[in-house]
N, C-alpha and C. Protein backbone atom coordinates (compact mmCIF):
# COMPACT_ATOMS: atom_id res chain seq x y z
N MET A 1 50.13 148.49 4.67
CA MET A 1 51.11 147.52 4.82
C MET A 1 50.43 146.11 4.87
N SER A 2 51.05 145.29 4.15
CA SER A 2 50.54 143.87 3.97
C SER A 2 50.84 143.08 5.31
N ALA A 3 50.14 142.03 5.44
CA ALA A 3 50.30 141.16 6.64
C ALA A 3 51.70 140.50 6.64
N SER A 4 52.32 140.37 5.44
CA SER A 4 53.61 139.80 5.40
C SER A 4 54.77 140.75 5.66
N ALA A 5 54.46 142.08 5.61
CA ALA A 5 55.53 142.99 5.87
C ALA A 5 55.84 143.09 7.28
N ALA A 6 57.07 143.09 7.70
CA ALA A 6 57.42 143.18 9.07
C ALA A 6 57.71 144.60 9.43
N MET A 7 57.29 144.88 10.67
CA MET A 7 57.50 146.28 11.06
C MET A 7 58.57 146.24 12.16
N VAL A 8 59.69 147.06 11.89
CA VAL A 8 60.82 147.09 12.74
C VAL A 8 60.87 148.43 13.44
N ILE A 9 60.87 148.30 14.68
CA ILE A 9 60.95 149.61 15.57
C ILE A 9 62.37 149.58 16.23
N CYS A 10 63.08 150.63 16.09
CA CYS A 10 64.35 150.71 16.71
C CYS A 10 64.26 151.87 17.83
N LYS A 11 64.68 151.49 18.83
CA LYS A 11 64.89 152.50 19.96
C LYS A 11 66.25 152.73 20.39
N THR A 12 66.75 153.91 20.42
CA THR A 12 68.11 154.23 20.79
C THR A 12 68.09 155.18 21.96
N SER A 13 69.15 155.22 22.66
CA SER A 13 69.33 156.19 23.77
C SER A 13 70.75 156.36 23.92
N SER A 14 71.17 157.51 24.49
CA SER A 14 72.51 157.78 24.92
C SER A 14 72.48 158.57 26.19
N THR A 15 73.56 158.48 26.85
CA THR A 15 73.65 159.15 28.18
C THR A 15 74.95 160.02 28.11
N VAL A 16 74.73 161.23 28.52
CA VAL A 16 75.99 162.06 28.67
C VAL A 16 76.27 162.25 30.08
N VAL A 17 77.50 161.90 30.39
CA VAL A 17 77.98 161.99 31.78
C VAL A 17 78.84 163.21 31.96
N VAL A 18 78.60 164.06 32.98
CA VAL A 18 79.34 165.27 33.17
C VAL A 18 80.12 165.16 34.40
N HIS A 19 81.51 165.28 34.25
CA HIS A 19 82.45 165.24 35.38
C HIS A 19 82.88 166.68 35.57
N THR A 20 82.72 167.10 36.90
CA THR A 20 83.07 168.56 37.24
C THR A 20 84.19 168.60 38.20
N GLY A 21 85.08 169.46 38.01
CA GLY A 21 86.16 169.57 38.93
C GLY A 21 86.59 170.99 39.03
N GLU A 22 87.34 171.38 40.10
CA GLU A 22 87.87 172.78 40.27
C GLU A 22 89.34 172.66 40.71
N HIS A 23 90.06 173.70 40.31
CA HIS A 23 91.45 173.84 40.68
C HIS A 23 91.79 175.26 40.98
N LEU A 24 92.51 175.47 42.09
CA LEU A 24 92.98 176.79 42.44
C LEU A 24 94.45 176.91 42.15
N PHE A 25 94.76 177.91 41.41
CA PHE A 25 96.23 178.19 41.00
C PHE A 25 96.60 179.44 41.77
N LYS A 26 97.57 179.23 42.66
CA LYS A 26 98.00 180.41 43.54
C LYS A 26 99.35 180.84 42.95
N VAL A 27 99.36 182.21 42.63
CA VAL A 27 100.59 182.85 42.17
C VAL A 27 101.10 183.69 43.35
N VAL A 28 102.17 183.23 43.91
CA VAL A 28 102.76 183.97 44.98
C VAL A 28 103.96 184.90 44.38
N GLY A 29 104.07 186.14 44.89
CA GLY A 29 105.10 187.01 44.32
C GLY A 29 104.67 187.50 42.99
N HIS A 30 103.38 187.89 42.83
CA HIS A 30 102.88 188.21 41.50
C HIS A 30 103.67 189.37 40.83
N SER A 31 103.95 190.37 41.69
CA SER A 31 104.61 191.61 40.99
C SER A 31 106.08 191.23 40.63
N LEU A 32 106.65 190.17 41.11
CA LEU A 32 107.96 189.80 40.67
C LEU A 32 108.09 188.97 39.43
N VAL A 33 106.97 188.50 39.01
CA VAL A 33 106.91 187.60 37.83
C VAL A 33 107.15 188.36 36.52
N GLN A 34 108.22 187.96 35.81
CA GLN A 34 108.57 188.67 34.56
C GLN A 34 108.61 187.81 33.39
N VAL A 35 108.09 186.55 33.54
CA VAL A 35 108.16 185.55 32.41
C VAL A 35 107.23 185.90 31.29
N ARG A 36 107.60 185.66 30.06
CA ARG A 36 106.82 185.91 28.90
C ARG A 36 106.24 184.57 28.38
N SER A 37 106.82 183.48 28.91
CA SER A 37 106.35 182.09 28.56
C SER A 37 105.21 181.61 29.33
N GLY A 38 104.78 182.31 30.38
CA GLY A 38 103.64 181.85 31.19
C GLY A 38 104.11 181.03 32.44
N LEU A 39 103.24 181.05 33.37
CA LEU A 39 103.33 180.20 34.53
C LEU A 39 102.33 179.12 34.41
N THR A 40 102.85 177.92 34.71
CA THR A 40 101.92 176.62 34.58
C THR A 40 101.69 176.12 35.93
N SER A 41 100.38 175.84 36.22
CA SER A 41 100.04 175.27 37.44
C SER A 41 100.38 173.84 37.44
N GLU A 42 100.28 173.26 38.65
CA GLU A 42 100.43 171.82 38.79
C GLU A 42 99.36 171.16 37.92
N THR A 43 99.70 169.93 37.51
CA THR A 43 98.67 169.15 36.72
C THR A 43 97.56 168.70 37.65
N PHE A 44 96.35 168.80 37.18
CA PHE A 44 95.15 168.26 37.99
C PHE A 44 94.35 167.46 37.13
N ARG A 45 93.55 166.57 37.75
CA ARG A 45 92.69 165.60 37.02
C ARG A 45 91.22 165.87 37.11
N VAL A 46 90.53 165.93 36.02
CA VAL A 46 89.04 166.07 35.98
C VAL A 46 88.51 165.21 34.87
N GLY A 47 87.53 164.30 35.17
CA GLY A 47 86.92 163.42 34.14
C GLY A 47 87.86 162.52 33.56
N GLY A 48 88.89 162.10 34.17
CA GLY A 48 89.89 161.10 33.73
C GLY A 48 90.95 161.67 32.82
N TYR A 49 91.07 163.04 32.82
CA TYR A 49 92.02 163.76 31.94
C TYR A 49 92.93 164.62 32.83
N ASP A 50 94.17 164.81 32.33
CA ASP A 50 95.10 165.70 32.98
C ASP A 50 95.08 167.10 32.35
N TRP A 51 94.95 168.11 33.22
CA TRP A 51 94.84 169.58 32.82
C TRP A 51 95.81 170.44 33.53
N ALA A 52 96.02 171.63 33.02
CA ALA A 52 96.82 172.59 33.67
C ALA A 52 96.24 174.04 33.33
N ILE A 53 96.52 174.96 34.15
CA ILE A 53 96.23 176.35 33.80
C ILE A 53 97.57 176.92 33.51
N VAL A 54 97.63 177.76 32.44
CA VAL A 54 98.76 178.51 32.07
C VAL A 54 98.42 180.00 32.17
N TYR A 55 99.18 180.76 32.98
CA TYR A 55 98.79 182.20 33.26
C TYR A 55 99.97 183.07 32.76
N TYR A 56 99.57 184.10 31.97
CA TYR A 56 100.51 185.07 31.49
C TYR A 56 100.18 186.43 32.19
N PRO A 57 100.98 186.79 33.20
CA PRO A 57 100.74 188.02 33.92
C PRO A 57 100.94 189.28 33.11
N ASN A 58 101.67 189.24 32.03
CA ASN A 58 101.87 190.29 31.15
C ASN A 58 101.18 190.11 29.84
N GLY A 59 100.25 189.11 29.69
CA GLY A 59 99.53 188.91 28.47
C GLY A 59 100.33 188.16 27.50
N LEU A 60 99.74 187.97 26.35
CA LEU A 60 100.36 187.21 25.26
C LEU A 60 101.00 188.23 24.30
N ALA A 61 102.29 188.29 24.21
CA ALA A 61 103.01 189.25 23.57
C ALA A 61 102.57 189.24 22.00
N GLN A 62 102.36 188.05 21.48
CA GLN A 62 101.93 188.04 20.05
C GLN A 62 100.52 188.65 19.69
N LEU A 63 99.74 188.79 20.77
CA LEU A 63 98.42 189.29 20.57
C LEU A 63 98.34 190.82 21.11
N PHE A 64 99.08 191.07 22.11
CA PHE A 64 98.99 192.42 22.74
C PHE A 64 100.42 192.90 23.07
N ASP A 65 100.86 193.94 22.34
CA ASP A 65 102.19 194.47 22.55
C ASP A 65 102.21 195.40 23.70
N ASP A 66 101.08 195.88 24.13
CA ASP A 66 101.03 196.87 25.31
C ASP A 66 101.14 196.21 26.64
N GLY A 67 100.86 194.97 26.72
CA GLY A 67 100.92 194.29 27.97
C GLY A 67 99.88 194.75 29.05
N GLN A 68 98.76 195.16 28.71
CA GLN A 68 97.86 195.79 29.60
C GLN A 68 96.84 194.74 30.17
N PHE A 69 96.98 193.50 29.60
CA PHE A 69 95.96 192.47 29.99
C PHE A 69 96.76 191.27 30.47
N THR A 70 96.15 190.49 31.38
CA THR A 70 96.71 189.17 31.76
C THR A 70 96.01 188.19 30.81
N SER A 71 96.53 187.06 30.52
CA SER A 71 96.01 185.99 29.76
C SER A 71 95.97 184.70 30.53
N VAL A 72 95.02 183.82 30.25
CA VAL A 72 94.96 182.57 30.98
C VAL A 72 94.48 181.47 29.98
N PHE A 73 95.09 180.34 30.02
CA PHE A 73 94.80 179.09 29.17
C PHE A 73 94.36 177.97 30.01
N LEU A 74 93.57 177.16 29.44
CA LEU A 74 93.30 175.79 29.98
C LEU A 74 93.88 174.86 28.93
N LYS A 75 94.79 173.96 29.43
CA LYS A 75 95.50 173.08 28.55
C LYS A 75 95.40 171.66 28.97
N LEU A 76 95.26 170.84 27.95
CA LEU A 76 95.15 169.30 28.07
C LEU A 76 96.62 168.86 28.13
N MET A 77 97.06 168.14 29.16
CA MET A 77 98.40 167.99 29.38
C MET A 77 99.10 166.74 28.70
N ARG A 78 98.29 165.79 28.15
CA ARG A 78 98.96 164.73 27.51
C ARG A 78 98.00 164.22 26.34
N PRO A 79 98.52 163.63 25.36
CA PRO A 79 97.57 163.02 24.37
C PRO A 79 96.70 161.93 24.72
N TYR A 80 95.51 162.01 24.19
CA TYR A 80 94.54 160.92 24.49
C TYR A 80 94.02 160.45 23.21
N GLU A 81 93.35 159.31 23.20
CA GLU A 81 92.96 158.61 21.85
C GLU A 81 91.91 159.48 21.15
N SER A 82 91.20 160.31 21.82
CA SER A 82 90.24 161.11 21.06
C SER A 82 90.24 162.53 21.69
N GLU A 83 89.41 163.39 21.01
CA GLU A 83 89.21 164.75 21.58
C GLU A 83 88.45 164.70 22.85
N VAL A 84 88.64 165.73 23.59
CA VAL A 84 87.84 165.78 24.91
C VAL A 84 86.91 167.05 24.81
N ASN A 85 85.74 166.83 25.07
CA ASN A 85 84.76 167.89 25.12
C ASN A 85 84.55 168.40 26.54
N ALA A 86 84.79 169.75 26.67
CA ALA A 86 84.69 170.28 28.05
C ALA A 86 84.31 171.78 27.95
N SER A 87 83.64 172.23 28.99
CA SER A 87 83.45 173.64 29.15
C SER A 87 84.26 174.06 30.39
N TYR A 88 84.53 175.36 30.44
CA TYR A 88 85.33 175.82 31.61
C TYR A 88 85.05 177.21 32.01
N SER A 89 85.47 177.63 33.19
CA SER A 89 85.45 179.04 33.52
C SER A 89 86.65 179.32 34.35
N PHE A 90 87.11 180.56 34.30
CA PHE A 90 88.14 181.14 35.21
C PHE A 90 87.57 182.28 35.90
N CYS A 91 88.02 182.45 37.21
CA CYS A 91 87.71 183.62 37.93
C CYS A 91 88.77 183.89 38.91
N LEU A 92 88.87 185.13 39.56
CA LEU A 92 89.78 185.50 40.57
C LEU A 92 89.09 185.31 41.91
N GLN A 93 89.85 184.88 42.87
CA GLN A 93 89.34 184.77 44.21
C GLN A 93 90.18 185.53 45.20
N ASP A 94 89.66 186.00 46.21
CA ASP A 94 90.48 186.71 47.28
C ASP A 94 91.28 185.63 47.86
N PRO A 95 92.64 185.82 47.91
CA PRO A 95 93.56 184.78 48.49
C PRO A 95 93.38 184.58 49.98
N VAL A 96 92.90 185.66 50.66
CA VAL A 96 92.77 185.62 52.10
C VAL A 96 91.49 184.81 52.51
N SER A 97 90.39 185.19 51.85
CA SER A 97 89.06 184.43 52.11
C SER A 97 88.50 183.92 50.79
N PRO A 98 88.88 182.85 50.35
CA PRO A 98 88.43 182.30 48.99
C PRO A 98 86.95 182.07 48.94
N SER A 99 86.22 182.08 50.04
CA SER A 99 84.79 181.87 49.97
C SER A 99 84.05 183.03 49.54
N THR A 100 84.67 184.25 49.44
CA THR A 100 84.02 185.48 49.11
C THR A 100 83.71 185.40 47.58
N VAL A 101 83.02 186.50 47.13
CA VAL A 101 82.45 186.57 45.72
C VAL A 101 83.61 186.34 44.74
N GLU A 102 83.37 185.71 43.67
CA GLU A 102 84.31 185.52 42.66
C GLU A 102 84.28 186.80 41.68
N LYS A 103 85.43 187.17 41.19
CA LYS A 103 85.54 188.41 40.47
C LYS A 103 86.15 188.06 39.12
N CYS A 104 85.88 188.91 38.11
CA CYS A 104 86.43 188.84 36.78
C CYS A 104 86.15 187.47 36.19
N LYS A 105 85.01 186.96 36.35
CA LYS A 105 84.65 185.59 35.83
C LYS A 105 84.57 185.54 34.37
N PHE A 106 85.11 184.55 33.76
CA PHE A 106 85.11 184.32 32.34
C PHE A 106 84.76 182.83 32.13
N SER A 107 83.71 182.57 31.24
CA SER A 107 83.30 181.24 30.94
C SER A 107 83.32 180.89 29.41
N ARG A 108 83.44 179.63 29.11
CA ARG A 108 83.38 179.23 27.73
C ARG A 108 82.51 177.99 27.77
N PRO A 109 81.52 178.02 26.66
CA PRO A 109 80.76 176.85 26.51
C PRO A 109 81.61 175.67 26.02
N SER A 110 81.06 174.59 25.74
CA SER A 110 81.80 173.41 25.40
C SER A 110 82.80 173.64 24.19
N ARG A 111 83.94 173.15 24.38
CA ARG A 111 85.10 173.21 23.36
C ARG A 111 85.65 171.83 23.25
N LYS A 112 86.25 171.61 22.11
CA LYS A 112 87.01 170.37 21.86
C LYS A 112 88.47 170.56 22.12
N PHE A 113 89.00 169.77 23.07
CA PHE A 113 90.41 169.92 23.36
C PHE A 113 91.21 168.77 22.82
N LEU A 114 92.30 169.07 22.22
CA LEU A 114 93.28 168.13 21.72
C LEU A 114 94.55 168.46 22.30
N PHE A 115 95.53 167.53 22.66
CA PHE A 115 96.85 167.80 23.17
C PHE A 115 97.50 168.74 22.26
N SER A 116 97.44 168.42 20.91
CA SER A 116 98.23 169.16 19.98
C SER A 116 97.87 170.61 19.80
N ASN A 117 96.69 171.00 20.19
CA ASN A 117 96.28 172.39 19.84
C ASN A 117 96.67 173.47 20.91
N GLY A 118 97.27 173.09 21.93
CA GLY A 118 97.84 174.07 22.86
C GLY A 118 96.84 174.51 23.95
N GLY A 119 95.61 174.19 23.82
CA GLY A 119 94.53 174.64 24.75
C GLY A 119 93.79 175.79 24.30
N TRP A 120 92.82 176.19 25.17
CA TRP A 120 91.93 177.33 24.85
C TRP A 120 92.34 178.42 25.81
N CYS A 121 92.13 179.66 25.29
CA CYS A 121 92.68 180.76 26.00
C CYS A 121 91.70 181.99 26.06
N ASN A 122 91.91 182.70 27.23
CA ASN A 122 91.21 183.98 27.19
C ASN A 122 92.36 185.05 27.14
N PRO A 123 92.65 185.63 26.08
CA PRO A 123 93.84 186.60 25.97
C PRO A 123 93.65 187.90 26.72
N GLU A 124 92.43 188.21 27.00
CA GLU A 124 92.14 189.46 27.78
C GLU A 124 91.38 188.99 29.04
N PHE A 125 92.00 188.14 29.84
CA PHE A 125 91.34 187.68 31.06
C PHE A 125 90.86 188.81 32.00
N VAL A 126 91.88 189.66 32.39
CA VAL A 126 91.68 190.85 33.19
C VAL A 126 92.65 191.86 32.92
N SER A 127 92.29 193.11 32.83
CA SER A 127 93.21 194.19 32.62
C SER A 127 94.05 194.40 33.90
N LYS A 128 95.26 194.81 33.75
CA LYS A 128 96.07 195.07 35.00
C LYS A 128 95.48 196.12 35.81
N VAL A 129 94.72 197.12 35.27
CA VAL A 129 94.13 198.12 36.03
C VAL A 129 92.94 197.46 36.90
N ASP A 130 92.15 196.67 36.24
CA ASP A 130 91.04 195.93 37.05
C ASP A 130 91.55 194.96 38.01
N LEU A 131 92.69 194.42 37.66
CA LEU A 131 93.32 193.40 38.64
C LEU A 131 93.71 194.14 39.96
N ALA A 132 94.34 195.34 39.74
CA ALA A 132 94.81 196.15 40.80
C ALA A 132 93.71 196.65 41.76
N THR A 133 92.55 196.89 41.19
CA THR A 133 91.41 197.36 41.98
C THR A 133 90.42 196.27 42.34
N SER A 134 90.61 195.01 41.93
CA SER A 134 89.69 193.92 42.23
C SER A 134 89.65 193.51 43.65
N GLY A 135 90.70 193.78 44.41
CA GLY A 135 90.71 193.18 45.78
C GLY A 135 91.20 191.79 45.86
N CYS A 136 91.60 191.25 44.74
CA CYS A 136 92.02 189.87 44.65
C CYS A 136 93.50 189.72 44.64
N LEU A 137 94.26 190.76 44.66
CA LEU A 137 95.69 190.80 44.65
C LEU A 137 96.08 191.29 46.05
N LYS A 138 96.28 190.28 46.95
CA LYS A 138 96.58 190.63 48.35
C LYS A 138 97.93 190.06 48.76
N ASP A 139 98.73 190.86 49.38
CA ASP A 139 100.10 190.37 49.86
C ASP A 139 100.84 189.79 48.63
N ASP A 140 100.65 190.44 47.53
CA ASP A 140 101.32 190.03 46.24
C ASP A 140 101.08 188.65 45.85
N CYS A 141 99.81 188.18 46.15
CA CYS A 141 99.43 186.82 45.84
C CYS A 141 98.08 186.91 45.09
N LEU A 142 97.93 186.04 44.05
CA LEU A 142 96.78 186.00 43.23
C LEU A 142 96.27 184.56 43.14
N VAL A 143 94.98 184.32 43.33
CA VAL A 143 94.37 183.01 43.17
C VAL A 143 93.44 183.00 41.98
N ILE A 144 93.70 182.14 40.99
CA ILE A 144 92.84 181.88 39.89
C ILE A 144 92.19 180.51 40.09
N LYS A 145 90.82 180.51 39.96
CA LYS A 145 90.07 179.35 40.12
C LYS A 145 89.55 178.95 38.75
N CYS A 146 89.81 177.73 38.41
CA CYS A 146 89.29 177.06 37.23
C CYS A 146 88.29 175.99 37.49
N THR A 147 87.01 176.10 36.87
CA THR A 147 86.13 175.08 37.08
C THR A 147 85.89 174.40 35.60
N ILE A 148 85.93 173.18 35.53
CA ILE A 148 85.87 172.37 34.36
C ILE A 148 84.73 171.41 34.40
N GLU A 149 84.02 171.25 33.27
CA GLU A 149 82.99 170.20 33.09
C GLU A 149 83.40 169.46 31.85
N VAL A 150 83.69 168.07 32.06
CA VAL A 150 84.09 167.23 31.00
C VAL A 150 82.84 166.41 30.62
N TYR A 151 82.50 166.27 29.41
CA TYR A 151 81.39 165.60 28.92
C TYR A 151 81.82 164.36 28.22
N SER A 152 81.26 163.16 28.59
CA SER A 152 81.49 161.94 27.93
C SER A 152 80.21 161.21 27.65
N HIS A 153 80.15 160.44 26.58
CA HIS A 153 78.93 159.66 26.20
C HIS A 153 79.09 158.23 26.57
N GLN A 154 78.06 157.72 27.15
CA GLN A 154 78.09 156.30 27.53
C GLN A 154 76.98 155.53 26.91
């Protein structure tokens, strides 16, 4: 390199911020639920975004005609300017003592959420047989715990 040639060194960096939150969705009167459209939790906020859990106690009819599985969705509740990157997990908890071991845990790595896509789902969250023997359906009450990690770049 000649003495007149300039050497340019560029340094870049980025930071990923992870916002973590949990929500407990309590379904009271589980055996009485007959809806096919799903039960939606209250809206909760994690990472500056509004979310909800949608639970199908009889599964998704379009995927399973036999209704042997429950299904659960994580849904972004309103449109945002850009997609949201998040990972999430669902599990069942004992409604009487939620600090006990989580059962039927299901996790997803990072996904891109858009309001328009309806959310991400586990169509076979737990079979009705496993739900009945899990110990998590007490006094006809079920608690679904959702943990979300929202990733943003700064």
